[in-house]
Protein backbone atom coordinates (compact mmCIF):
# COMPACT_ATOMS: atom_id res chain seq x y z
CA UNK A 1 -60.59 -45.16 -55.89
CA UNK A 2 -59.53 -48.46 -57.45
CA UNK A 3 -56.73 -48.83 -59.97
CA UNK A 4 -57.52 -50.41 -63.30
CA UNK A 5 -56.11 -53.86 -63.71
CA UNK A 6 -54.05 -52.86 -66.71
CA UNK A 7 -52.50 -49.84 -65.01
CA UNK A 8 -49.17 -50.52 -63.25
CA UNK A 9 -47.97 -48.69 -60.13
CA UNK A 10 -44.75 -46.71 -60.51
CA UNK A 11 -41.76 -48.63 -59.29
CA UNK A 12 -39.76 -47.25 -56.29
CA UNK A 13 -35.97 -47.06 -56.35
CA UNK A 14 -34.22 -49.86 -54.47
CA UNK A 15 -32.81 -48.76 -51.09
CA UNK A 16 -29.09 -48.10 -51.05
CA UNK A 17 -27.22 -50.73 -49.00
CA UNK A 18 -24.75 -48.05 -47.82
CA UNK A 19 -27.49 -46.09 -46.08
CA UNK A 20 -28.34 -49.01 -43.83
CA UNK A 21 -24.75 -49.77 -43.05
CA UNK A 22 -24.02 -46.09 -42.31
CA UNK A 23 -26.93 -45.95 -39.87
CA UNK A 24 -25.71 -49.17 -38.25
CA UNK A 25 -22.16 -47.87 -37.75
CA UNK A 26 -23.32 -44.48 -36.46
CA UNK A 27 -25.67 -46.14 -33.96
CA UNK A 28 -22.94 -48.53 -32.89
CA UNK A 29 -20.41 -45.74 -32.39
CA UNK A 30 -22.91 -43.66 -30.39
CA UNK A 31 -23.73 -46.66 -28.21
CA UNK A 32 -20.04 -47.36 -27.66
CA UNK A 33 -19.18 -43.79 -26.62
CA UNK A 34 -22.29 -43.52 -24.44
CA UNK A 35 -21.22 -46.73 -22.75
CA UNK A 36 -17.75 -45.31 -22.14
CA UNK A 37 -19.27 -42.17 -20.62
CA UNK A 38 -21.58 -44.14 -18.33
CA UNK A 39 -18.72 -46.41 -17.35
CA UNK A 40 -16.50 -43.42 -16.54
CA UNK A 41 -19.19 -41.73 -14.44
CA UNK A 42 -19.96 -44.96 -12.62
CA UNK A 43 -16.28 -45.60 -11.99
CA UNK A 44 -15.77 -42.13 -10.56
CA UNK A 45 -18.79 -42.47 -8.32
CA UNK A 46 -17.59 -45.82 -7.07
CA UNK A 47 -14.11 -44.43 -6.41
CA UNK A 48 -15.64 -41.62 -4.40
CA UNK A 49 -17.50 -44.19 -2.29
CA UNK A 50 -14.49 -46.40 -1.63
CA UNK A 51 -13.13 -46.30 1.92
CA UNK A 52 -9.83 -44.45 2.31
CA UNK A 53 -6.83 -46.61 1.54
CA UNK A 54 -4.39 -46.39 4.45
CA UNK A 55 -1.24 -47.79 2.84
CA UNK A 56 1.13 -46.64 5.58
CA UNK A 57 -0.20 -47.43 9.09
CA UNK A 58 -0.77 -44.46 11.40
CA UNK A 59 -0.29 -45.01 15.10
CA UNK A 60 -2.87 -44.00 17.67
CA UNK A 61 -2.76 -40.32 18.71
CA UNK A 62 -0.34 -39.41 15.93
CA UNK A 63 -0.13 -35.62 16.17
CA UNK A 64 2.10 -35.05 13.15
CA UNK A 65 -0.18 -34.34 10.20
CA UNK A 66 2.72 -34.94 7.80
CA UNK A 67 2.53 -38.64 8.70
CA UNK A 68 -1.13 -38.70 7.71
CA UNK A 69 -0.23 -36.83 4.53
CA UNK A 70 1.73 -39.82 3.22
CA UNK A 71 -1.60 -41.60 2.68
CA UNK A 72 -3.67 -38.52 1.87
CA UNK A 73 -1.48 -36.06 -0.04
CA UNK A 74 -4.35 -34.03 -1.50
CA UNK A 75 -5.92 -33.34 1.88
CA UNK A 76 -2.52 -32.67 3.44
CA UNK A 77 -1.41 -30.21 0.78
CA UNK A 78 -4.67 -28.28 1.07
CA UNK A 79 -4.36 -28.30 4.88
CA UNK A 80 -0.88 -26.74 4.62
CA UNK A 81 -2.34 -23.80 2.69
CA UNK A 82 -4.00 -22.57 5.88
CA UNK A 83 -0.57 -21.33 6.96
CA UNK A 84 -0.52 -18.73 4.21
CA UNK A 85 -3.76 -17.03 5.21
CA UNK A 86 -5.59 -14.91 2.68
CA UNK A 87 -7.05 -11.49 2.15
CA UNK A 88 -9.58 -10.62 4.86
CA UNK A 89 -13.31 -10.60 4.38
CA UNK A 90 -15.28 -7.49 5.34
CA UNK A 91 -15.70 -8.56 8.97
CA UNK A 92 -13.02 -11.17 9.54
CA UNK A 93 -10.76 -13.61 7.78
CA UNK A 94 -7.46 -15.24 8.86
CA UNK A 95 -5.63 -11.93 9.10
CA UNK A 96 -4.53 -10.58 12.47
CA UNK A 97 -6.01 -7.25 13.53
CA UNK A 98 -6.98 -5.69 16.86
CA UNK A 99 -10.68 -5.69 17.69
CA UNK A 100 -9.93 -3.17 20.44
CA UNK A 101 -8.54 -0.69 17.92
CA UNK A 102 -11.34 -1.32 15.46
CA UNK A 103 -14.03 -0.90 18.13
CA UNK A 104 -12.92 1.20 21.15
CA UNK A 105 -16.15 0.48 23.07
CA UNK A 106 -14.88 -3.06 23.68
CA UNK A 107 -12.34 -1.76 26.19
CA UNK A 108 -15.19 -0.40 28.29
CA UNK A 109 -17.32 -3.53 27.97
CA UNK A 110 -14.44 -5.86 28.91
CA UNK A 111 -12.91 -3.55 31.54
CA UNK A 112 -11.28 -5.61 34.30
CA UNK A 113 -11.01 -8.71 32.08
CA UNK A 114 -8.02 -9.85 29.97
CA UNK A 115 -9.94 -9.18 26.74
CA UNK A 116 -9.55 -5.46 27.49
CA UNK A 117 -5.76 -5.98 27.33
CA UNK A 118 -5.66 -7.74 23.96
CA UNK A 119 -8.36 -8.98 21.63
CA UNK A 120 -6.93 -9.90 18.22
CA UNK A 121 -8.53 -11.76 15.35
CA UNK A 122 -7.45 -15.41 15.09
CA UNK A 123 -5.28 -16.30 12.11
CA UNK A 124 -6.62 -19.80 11.62
CA UNK A 125 -5.84 -23.38 12.64
CA UNK A 126 -2.24 -23.46 11.46
CA UNK A 127 -1.31 -20.57 13.78
CA UNK A 128 -3.29 -21.73 16.82
CA UNK A 129 -0.29 -22.65 18.98
CA UNK A 130 1.85 -19.61 18.24
CA UNK A 131 -1.07 -17.21 18.68
CA UNK A 132 -2.12 -18.58 22.08
CA UNK A 133 1.51 -18.59 23.22
CA UNK A 134 1.96 -14.95 22.22
CA UNK A 135 -1.26 -13.43 23.55
CA UNK A 136 -0.99 -10.80 26.26
CA UNK A 137 -4.16 -12.14 27.87
CA UNK A 138 -2.19 -14.81 29.73
CA UNK A 139 0.86 -12.66 30.51
CA UNK A 140 0.69 -10.83 33.89
CA UNK A 141 3.55 -8.54 32.83
CA UNK A 142 1.31 -7.16 30.07
CA UNK A 143 -1.90 -7.01 32.09
CA UNK A 144 -3.08 -10.57 31.55
CA UNK A 145 -3.60 -13.44 33.96
CA UNK A 146 -2.00 -16.93 34.23
CA UNK A 147 -4.09 -19.63 32.59
CA UNK A 148 -4.52 -23.39 33.17
CA UNK A 149 -3.65 -26.14 30.73
CA UNK A 150 -7.31 -26.10 29.67
CA UNK A 151 -6.50 -23.17 27.38
CA UNK A 152 -4.40 -25.52 25.20
CA UNK A 153 -7.29 -27.95 24.66
CA UNK A 154 -8.08 -26.83 21.12
CA UNK A 155 -4.68 -25.62 19.97
CA UNK A 156 -2.72 -28.75 19.03
CA UNK A 157 -3.26 -32.19 17.51
CA UNK A 158 -0.98 -33.55 20.26
CA UNK A 159 -3.69 -32.82 22.86
CA UNK A 160 -5.76 -36.03 22.46
CA UNK A 161 -2.65 -38.11 23.16
CA UNK A 162 -1.71 -35.97 26.16
CA UNK A 163 -5.22 -36.24 27.58
CA UNK A 164 -5.11 -40.01 27.23
CA UNK A 165 -1.71 -40.19 28.90
CA UNK A 166 -2.31 -37.69 31.72
CA UNK A 167 -6.03 -38.09 32.25
CA UNK A 168 -8.46 -35.35 31.23
CA UNK A 169 -8.79 -33.75 34.67
CA UNK A 170 -5.02 -33.63 35.26
CA UNK A 171 -4.50 -32.13 31.82
CA UNK A 172 -6.90 -29.30 32.66
CA UNK A 173 -5.33 -28.67 36.07
CA UNK A 174 -1.78 -28.44 34.77
CA UNK A 175 -0.25 -25.01 34.27
CA UNK A 176 -0.53 -23.65 30.75
CA UNK A 177 3.25 -23.55 30.40
CA UNK A 178 3.54 -27.22 31.37
CA UNK A 179 1.16 -28.30 28.61
CA UNK A 180 2.70 -25.92 26.11
CA UNK A 181 6.10 -27.51 26.78
CA UNK A 182 4.71 -30.97 25.99
CA UNK A 183 3.19 -30.22 22.60
CA UNK A 184 5.23 -30.05 19.43
CA UNK A 185 5.03 -26.47 18.16
CA UNK A 186 4.82 -27.81 14.60
CA UNK A 187 1.68 -29.80 15.44
CA UNK A 188 -1.18 -27.27 15.37
CA UNK A 189 -4.81 -28.29 14.82
CA UNK A 190 -4.68 -31.14 12.32
CA UNK A 191 -5.71 -34.63 11.24
CA UNK A 192 -5.75 -36.31 14.67
CA UNK A 193 -8.27 -33.82 15.99
CA UNK A 194 -11.03 -35.08 13.70
CA UNK A 195 -10.12 -38.50 12.27
CA UNK A 196 -9.65 -42.03 13.58
CA UNK A 197 -6.14 -43.12 12.48
CA UNK A 198 -7.25 -46.65 11.53
CA UNK A 199 -10.54 -46.05 9.71
CA UNK A 200 -10.29 -42.32 8.88
CA UNK A 201 -13.85 -41.97 10.14
CA UNK A 202 -14.71 -38.68 11.78
CA UNK A 203 -14.58 -39.07 15.55
CA UNK A 204 -14.81 -37.07 18.76
CA UNK A 205 -11.35 -36.49 20.22
CA UNK A 206 -12.31 -33.99 22.95
CA UNK A 207 -14.29 -35.24 25.97
CA UNK A 208 -16.12 -31.93 26.59
CA UNK A 209 -18.44 -32.43 23.59
CA UNK A 210 -19.24 -36.00 24.56
CA UNK A 211 -19.99 -34.88 28.12
CA UNK A 212 -22.20 -32.05 26.86
CA UNK A 213 -24.27 -34.50 24.80
CA UNK A 214 -24.62 -36.73 27.85
CA UNK A 215 -25.85 -33.74 29.87
CA UNK A 216 -28.61 -33.22 27.28
CA UNK A 217 -29.53 -36.90 27.40
CA UNK A 218 -28.16 -37.56 23.91
CA UNK A 219 -25.58 -40.01 22.57
CA UNK A 220 -23.09 -38.39 20.22
CA UNK A 221 -22.11 -41.85 18.91
CA UNK A 222 -25.54 -42.06 17.26
CA UNK A 223 -24.80 -39.04 15.06
CA UNK A 224 -24.86 -39.55 11.30
CA UNK A 225 -21.82 -38.94 9.09
CA UNK A 226 -23.34 -35.65 7.92
CA UNK A 227 -23.90 -34.54 11.51
CA UNK A 228 -20.32 -35.47 12.33
CA UNK A 229 -19.16 -33.07 9.62
CA UNK A 230 -20.34 -30.34 11.99
CA UNK A 231 -19.75 -32.01 15.34
CA UNK A 232 -16.01 -32.34 14.86
CA UNK A 233 -16.01 -28.55 14.51
CA UNK A 234 -18.25 -28.24 17.58
CA UNK A 235 -15.53 -29.73 19.74
CA UNK A 236 -13.95 -26.26 19.80
CA UNK A 237 -16.21 -23.71 18.08
CA UNK A 238 -18.60 -23.44 21.02
CA UNK A 239 -19.37 -21.54 24.22
CA UNK A 240 -17.66 -23.02 27.27
CA UNK A 241 -16.60 -22.28 30.82
CA UNK A 242 -14.21 -23.81 33.36
CA UNK A 243 -16.09 -25.76 36.06
CA UNK A 244 -14.51 -26.65 39.38
CA UNK A 245 -13.25 -30.17 40.00
CA UNK A 246 -11.54 -31.82 42.99
CA UNK A 247 -8.13 -30.25 43.38
CA UNK A 248 -9.07 -26.85 41.96
CA UNK A 249 -8.07 -24.25 44.53
CA UNK A 250 -9.21 -20.82 43.39
CA UNK A 251 -10.82 -21.12 39.95
CA UNK A 252 -12.31 -23.97 37.96
CA UNK A 253 -10.29 -25.69 35.26
CA UNK A 254 -12.61 -28.40 33.86
CA UNK A 255 -13.74 -27.56 30.33
CA UNK A 256 -17.55 -27.65 30.25
CA UNK A 257 -20.18 -26.69 27.68
CA UNK A 258 -23.34 -25.07 29.18
CA UNK A 259 -25.72 -27.23 27.15
CA UNK A 260 -27.69 -28.97 29.88
CA UNK A 261 -30.74 -26.74 29.29
CA UNK A 262 -30.28 -26.55 25.51
CA UNK A 263 -28.31 -24.77 22.79
CA UNK A 264 -30.00 -21.35 22.61
CA UNK A 265 -28.62 -18.27 24.32
CA UNK A 266 -31.68 -18.23 26.57
CA UNK A 267 -30.95 -21.83 27.59
CA UNK A 268 -27.37 -20.90 28.42
CA UNK A 269 -28.49 -17.84 30.39
CA UNK A 270 -30.75 -20.12 32.43
CA UNK A 271 -27.89 -22.55 32.99
CA UNK A 272 -25.45 -19.83 34.06
CA UNK A 273 -28.00 -18.28 36.42
CA UNK A 274 -29.88 -21.22 37.94
CA UNK A 275 -27.82 -24.37 37.42
CA UNK A 276 -24.52 -22.70 38.24
CA UNK A 277 -23.78 -19.11 39.16
CA UNK A 278 -20.99 -18.51 36.68
CA UNK A 279 -18.94 -15.35 37.23
CA UNK A 280 -15.97 -14.83 34.91
CA UNK A 281 -15.22 -11.38 36.34
CA UNK A 282 -16.81 -8.41 38.09
CA UNK A 283 -17.02 -5.27 35.97
CA UNK A 284 -15.02 -2.54 37.78
CA UNK A 285 -17.43 0.27 36.84
CA UNK A 286 -20.87 -1.23 37.48
CA UNK A 287 -19.70 -3.99 39.86
CA UNK A 288 -21.82 -6.41 37.80
CA UNK A 289 -21.03 -10.14 37.84
CA UNK A 290 -20.23 -10.89 34.20
CA UNK A 291 -20.09 -13.93 31.90
CA UNK A 292 -17.64 -13.93 28.97
CA UNK A 293 -19.02 -15.80 25.98
CA UNK A 294 -16.60 -17.79 23.80
CA UNK A 295 -17.26 -18.09 20.04
CA UNK A 296 -20.58 -20.06 20.19
CA UNK A 297 -20.44 -20.86 16.47
CA UNK A 298 -22.04 -24.30 16.63
CA UNK A 299 -24.88 -23.11 18.87
CA UNK A 300 -25.61 -20.18 16.53
CA UNK A 301 -25.40 -22.41 13.45
CA UNK A 302 -27.87 -24.83 15.03
CA UNK A 303 -30.51 -22.06 15.03
CA UNK A 304 -30.07 -21.21 11.34
CA UNK A 305 -31.55 -22.34 8.03
CA UNK A 306 -28.45 -24.27 6.95
CA UNK A 307 -28.63 -26.54 9.99
CA UNK A 308 -32.38 -26.94 9.44
CA UNK A 309 -31.71 -28.08 5.87
CA UNK A 310 -28.98 -30.51 6.95
CA UNK A 311 -26.07 -28.49 5.58
CA UNK A 312 -22.92 -29.17 7.62
CA UNK A 313 -20.10 -26.81 8.56
CA UNK A 314 -17.77 -28.71 6.22
CA UNK A 315 -20.13 -28.25 3.25
CA UNK A 316 -19.37 -24.52 3.26
CA UNK A 317 -15.98 -24.20 4.95
CA UNK A 318 -14.43 -27.41 3.54
CA UNK A 319 -16.20 -28.02 0.21
CA UNK A 320 -15.63 -31.09 -1.93
CA UNK A 321 -13.15 -31.02 -4.79
CA UNK A 322 -12.66 -33.55 -7.60
CA UNK A 323 -9.39 -34.44 -9.28
CA UNK A 324 -9.72 -37.10 -11.94
CA UNK A 325 -11.76 -39.86 -10.39
CA UNK A 326 -11.00 -38.80 -6.82
CA UNK A 327 -13.38 -36.71 -4.76
CA UNK A 328 -11.95 -35.30 -1.54
CA UNK A 329 -12.67 -32.63 1.03
CA UNK A 330 -10.77 -29.37 0.74
CA UNK A 331 -8.86 -28.87 4.02
CA UNK A 332 -7.92 -25.25 3.41
CA UNK A 333 -10.50 -24.14 5.98
CA UNK A 334 -11.60 -20.59 5.33
CA UNK A 335 -14.57 -18.30 4.79
CA UNK A 336 -16.92 -19.56 2.04
CA UNK A 337 -16.66 -16.06 0.56
CA UNK A 338 -13.11 -16.96 -0.48
CA UNK A 339 -14.37 -19.95 -2.47
CA UNK A 340 -17.94 -19.10 -3.53
CA UNK A 341 -17.96 -21.31 -6.63
CA UNK A 342 -17.19 -24.49 -4.67
CA UNK A 343 -19.22 -23.70 -1.57
CA UNK A 344 -22.20 -21.34 -1.95
CA UNK A 345 -22.76 -21.87 -5.68
CA UNK A 346 -23.34 -25.60 -5.24
CA UNK A 347 -26.82 -24.72 -3.95
CA UNK A 348 -27.32 -21.03 -4.72
CA UNK A 349 -27.41 -20.45 -8.47
CA UNK A 350 -26.56 -16.78 -8.40
CA UNK A 351 -23.46 -14.94 -9.53
CA UNK A 352 -20.56 -14.67 -7.11
CA UNK A 353 -21.16 -10.91 -6.86
CA UNK A 354 -24.80 -11.50 -5.87
CA UNK A 355 -23.86 -14.10 -3.24
CA UNK A 356 -21.23 -11.83 -1.70
CA UNK A 357 -23.59 -8.85 -1.69
CA UNK A 358 -26.30 -10.89 0.03
CA UNK A 359 -23.93 -12.16 2.73
CA UNK A 360 -22.48 -8.73 3.43
CA UNK A 361 -25.96 -7.19 3.58
CA UNK A 362 -26.85 -9.61 6.39
CA UNK A 363 -23.56 -8.92 8.13
CA UNK A 364 -24.00 -5.15 7.83
CA UNK A 365 -27.37 -5.40 9.58
CA UNK A 366 -25.89 -7.51 12.37
CA UNK A 367 -22.99 -5.11 12.80
CA UNK A 368 -25.36 -2.15 13.09
CA UNK A 369 -27.33 -3.94 15.80
CA UNK A 370 -24.11 -4.86 17.61
CA UNK A 371 -23.07 -1.21 17.70
CA UNK A 372 -26.47 -0.17 19.05
CA UNK A 373 -26.23 -2.84 21.76
CA UNK A 374 -22.71 -1.73 22.72
CA UNK A 375 -23.82 1.88 23.15
CA UNK A 376 -26.71 0.82 25.39
CA UNK A 377 -24.43 -1.43 27.46
CA UNK A 378 -21.70 1.16 27.93
CA UNK A 379 -24.31 3.68 29.07
CA UNK A 380 -25.84 1.15 31.48
CA UNK A 381 -22.46 0.29 33.07
CA UNK A 382 -21.73 3.99 33.54
CA UNK A 383 -25.12 4.79 35.07
CA UNK A 384 -25.03 1.86 37.49
CA UNK A 385 -21.52 2.94 38.53
CA UNK A 386 -22.62 6.54 39.07
CA UNK A 387 -25.59 5.41 41.16
CA UNK A 388 -23.31 3.30 43.36
CA UNK A 389 -20.92 6.22 43.79
CA UNK A 390 -23.86 8.40 44.78
CA UNK A 391 -24.81 6.05 47.60
CA UNK A 392 -27.07 3.41 46.08
CA UNK A 393 -26.69 0.08 47.90
CA UNK A 394 -26.11 -3.35 46.40
CA UNK A 395 -29.74 -4.16 47.20
CA UNK A 396 -30.85 -1.03 45.35
CA UNK A 397 -28.84 -1.99 42.26
CA UNK A 398 -29.44 -5.76 42.29
CA UNK A 399 -32.17 -5.70 39.63
CA UNK A 400 -30.26 -3.32 37.35
CA UNK A 401 -27.08 -5.37 37.57
CA UNK A 402 -28.88 -8.62 36.80
CA UNK A 403 -30.50 -7.06 33.73
CA UNK A 404 -27.10 -5.72 32.67
CA UNK A 405 -25.46 -9.12 33.09
CA UNK A 406 -28.12 -10.79 30.93
CA UNK A 407 -27.90 -8.02 28.32
CA UNK A 408 -24.13 -8.25 27.85
CA UNK A 409 -24.23 -12.04 27.78
CA UNK A 410 -26.54 -11.82 24.75
CA UNK A 411 -24.55 -9.13 22.98
CA UNK A 412 -21.37 -11.16 23.48
CA UNK A 413 -23.09 -14.31 22.22
CA UNK A 414 -23.27 -12.64 18.80
CA UNK A 415 -20.10 -10.53 19.02
CA UNK A 416 -17.85 -13.45 19.99
CA UNK A 417 -19.06 -15.66 17.16
CA UNK A 418 -17.59 -15.93 13.69
CA UNK A 419 -19.57 -14.94 10.62
CA UNK A 420 -21.01 -11.64 11.91
CA UNK A 421 -24.46 -13.14 12.39
CA UNK A 422 -24.64 -14.95 9.05
CA UNK A 423 -24.99 -18.45 10.56
CA UNK A 424 -28.45 -17.53 11.93
CA UNK A 425 -29.44 -13.97 10.92
CA UNK A 426 -32.94 -13.91 12.39
CA UNK A 427 -31.83 -15.44 15.69
CA UNK A 428 -28.89 -13.04 15.99
CA UNK A 429 -31.17 -10.07 15.30
CA UNK A 430 -33.58 -11.29 17.98
CA UNK A 431 -30.78 -11.83 20.49
CA UNK A 432 -29.32 -8.36 19.89
CA UNK A 433 -32.74 -6.73 20.11
CA UNK A 434 -33.21 -8.45 23.48
CA UNK A 435 -29.76 -7.28 24.59
CA UNK A 436 -30.64 -3.67 23.77
CA UNK A 437 -33.97 -3.97 25.55
CA UNK A 438 -32.43 -5.47 28.70
CA UNK A 439 -29.71 -2.80 28.81
CA UNK A 440 -32.34 -0.07 28.57
CA UNK A 441 -34.38 -1.76 31.30
CA UNK A 442 -31.26 -1.69 33.50
CA UNK A 443 -30.97 2.04 32.92
CA UNK A 444 -34.64 2.49 33.81
CA UNK A 445 -34.07 0.62 37.07
CA UNK A 446 -31.30 3.09 37.91
CA UNK A 447 -33.52 6.01 36.98
CA UNK A 448 -36.10 4.86 39.57
CA UNK A 449 -33.53 5.50 42.32
CA UNK A 450 -33.19 9.18 41.55
């Protein structure tokens, strides 16, 4: 509708000049503070990406972690906390206890082998030297057996320098006491084991891992940084045996990983049966040629969901920590259950109580299967022994003993590892189920002789 020419529109009030200026200042202040925030975040991210600043040079093969700590005080101080230990988790933790007392069936399974003399929980990296020096397993006066220098390979940060000076083979062939006398007792597992002293890059300091990759037709030097955050752990947290080398008289001394066929327990069984006939000891009851598995943590981890998703050992056991603008790796290596908020909770958005309950539920299942496997194995050893005492020949018992050997190898693959099956729950359940089945098959073979 049109407005008559003589009718005037109502006049609007003039805008207040203060309103415009207020809006201008508020917008300017918001922009300024947003810029500061972005600048701070960007600066922190850039600091985290900067290469480590080595202000005080570190010589090659420096085994004293305190020297490294001059340049990296945060990492060093957190590393020192491993000496204190902590409260145990449900199935482990850096607190010494006797597995033989906790599980009496182990004495029967390891009968005739030093693990039946003493089998204590490890107390962590900081105590590696003193624990291996004190163990009864290497002391003949307490029922143990003398060991070669190979047994010091993963106990001290002085080892890489000794290997370079002596030669790897000679290091392995030396008597344990000779190597122990050459390492500084205050230099347990530390910085030199994992880092290059010039660049601080993660590197392989133990030849056994490099040789194992070569045996699989792989080049460990092509590994990514994220892969290296597990591979430096895999230098020691693996299954191994002592192969013979020139100069070995009675037993082998050359540290070797059985990875030629692959990383699964079935691959290792094939290797130990067909590629080499490894015999760590003969069980005194069943007279079965046995293989002792040694904490195959990396191999188990490689079969689990975390490895499949690219999560490294260090992501859980050495989570990142930020202080100001500095992001560094926590070197107080321990169970993730002792630091759920920094490890598990980064990916799993549940409460700490829920995370712990889930982990322990998996571990409880594994433990139950382990106990079932132990009962089947103990029964199989006893029945093979009784059959031999009753007159069964070695030819009669050959099949049963081979089944028993394969069964205990699989049980020990899970039992010797850390984490009580958590690193690969489905694989550990499968392996233990196979162990139980093979042990029962051994008993059936004995039953056929009656």
